[in-house]
Structure formats: C-alpha cells, structure tokens
Amino acid sequence: MRPFEIIYIVLIAWGALQHLYKKEKRKNSILLYKIIFSIFLIHFFLEQYRWQMLPAYLLGITLIFNYNKNISHAMKTLF
C-alpha cells in the first residue's frame, strides 16, 4: 500500500471509532474530518485513484455526511 492510503485508512478507522461515542464526548471531530478530507485530496491527486480503495473512499464520505446529517453543513465543515 502507498503511504497516503495507509494514513487515510488509519484516519477513517479513527473516525469510525469516534462514532461509537456520544457527540458531546467526541473531541476535535471536525478537525479530524478536515484532515481526512485533506489526506483524501492529497492521495487522490498525488498517488492517483485506485479502485481497490473505493470502499475506503465511500466510508470516508459516509462518515462526514453521517456526522453532519446535512449536505450544506457538511460542505461548510470541509471548506
């Protein structure tokens, strides 16, 4: 695996584990999702897209939208 793929998967796992906690107990989750999105963009453009990573890409998108429950709010979180 490539370095940014490993970093991305570790961050996705960390984000998935945070969903087990209540929203009040989650710390820096907005920062985590911004980092996940940044690593995704770096990986996507520098290391190129790989079809084997599609489940991880979809899980990252699902985590971000599941956290916000609203597409417009999710976009504000990312940018």
Protein backbone atom coordinates (compact mmCIF):
# COMPACT_ATOMS: atom_id res chain seq x y z
CA MET A 1 0.00 0.00 0.00
CA ARG A 2 1.04 3.55 -0.61
CA PRO A 3 1.81 5.89 2.32
CA PHE A 4 -1.23 8.16 1.95
CA GLU A 5 -3.50 5.12 1.58
CA ILE A 6 -2.31 3.83 4.94
CA ILE A 7 -2.71 7.24 6.57
CA TYR A 8 -6.19 7.60 5.06
CA ILE A 9 -7.33 4.17 6.28
CA VAL A 10 -5.99 4.81 9.80
CA LEU A 11 -7.83 8.14 9.95
CA ILE A 12 -11.04 6.54 8.64
CA ALA A 13 -10.79 3.86 11.33
CA TRP A 14 -10.27 6.56 13.96
CA GLY A 15 -13.31 8.45 12.67
CA ALA A 16 -15.41 5.27 12.68
CA LEU A 17 -14.40 4.58 16.27
CA GLN A 18 -15.41 8.09 17.26
CA HIS A 19 -18.96 7.35 16.10
CA LEU A 20 -19.24 4.90 19.00
CA TYR A 21 -19.05 7.79 21.45
CA LYS A 22 -21.70 10.41 22.11
CA LYS A 23 -21.32 13.67 20.23
CA GLU A 24 -20.58 15.50 23.47
CA LYS A 25 -17.61 13.23 24.22
CA ARG A 26 -16.06 13.42 20.76
CA LYS A 27 -13.08 15.72 20.71
CA ASN A 28 -11.83 17.52 17.62
CA SER A 29 -14.09 15.56 15.28
CA ILE A 30 -14.48 18.49 12.87
CA LEU A 31 -10.70 18.79 12.71
CA LEU A 32 -10.43 15.03 12.13
CA TYR A 33 -12.86 15.19 9.20
CA LYS A 34 -10.98 18.10 7.67
CA ILE A 35 -7.74 16.12 7.96
CA ILE A 36 -9.40 13.05 6.43
CA PHE A 37 -10.65 15.15 3.51
CA SER A 38 -7.22 16.76 3.05
CA ILE A 39 -5.46 13.39 3.04
CA PHE A 40 -8.06 12.12 0.58
CA LEU A 41 -7.35 15.00 -1.81
CA ILE A 42 -3.58 14.59 -1.47
CA HIS A 43 -3.86 10.86 -2.07
CA PHE A 44 -6.30 11.28 -4.95
CA PHE A 45 -4.17 13.77 -6.87
CA LEU A 46 -0.61 12.76 -5.95
CA GLU A 47 -0.83 8.99 -5.72
CA GLN A 48 -3.77 8.63 -8.12
CA TYR A 49 -7.08 6.90 -7.60
CA ARG A 50 -7.18 3.10 -7.17
CA TRP A 51 -10.34 1.04 -7.50
CA GLN A 52 -9.31 -1.13 -4.52
CA MET A 53 -9.70 1.94 -2.29
CA LEU A 54 -13.33 2.61 -3.32
CA PRO A 55 -14.78 1.16 -0.08
CA ALA A 56 -12.48 3.42 1.95
CA TYR A 57 -13.44 6.46 -0.13
CA LEU A 58 -17.14 5.71 0.34
CA LEU A 59 -16.67 5.13 4.07
CA GLY A 60 -14.94 8.50 4.41
CA ILE A 61 -17.75 10.28 2.61
CA THR A 62 -20.33 8.39 4.67
CA LEU A 63 -18.62 9.33 7.94
CA ILE A 64 -18.54 13.01 7.07
CA PHE A 65 -22.18 13.15 5.94
CA ASN A 66 -23.34 10.96 8.81
CA TYR A 67 -21.70 13.31 11.27
CA ASN A 68 -23.42 16.36 9.83
CA LYS A 69 -26.72 14.84 8.59
CA ASN A 70 -26.94 17.76 6.17
CA ILE A 71 -25.12 18.21 2.87
CA SER A 72 -24.79 22.00 3.07
CA HIS A 73 -23.46 21.81 6.64
CA ALA A 74 -21.03 19.07 5.58
CA MET A 75 -19.65 21.32 2.85
CA LYS A 76 -19.17 24.12 5.38
CA THR A 77 -17.32 21.67 7.63
CA LEU A 78 -14.93 20.65 4.86
CA PHE A 79 -14.22 24.10 3.46
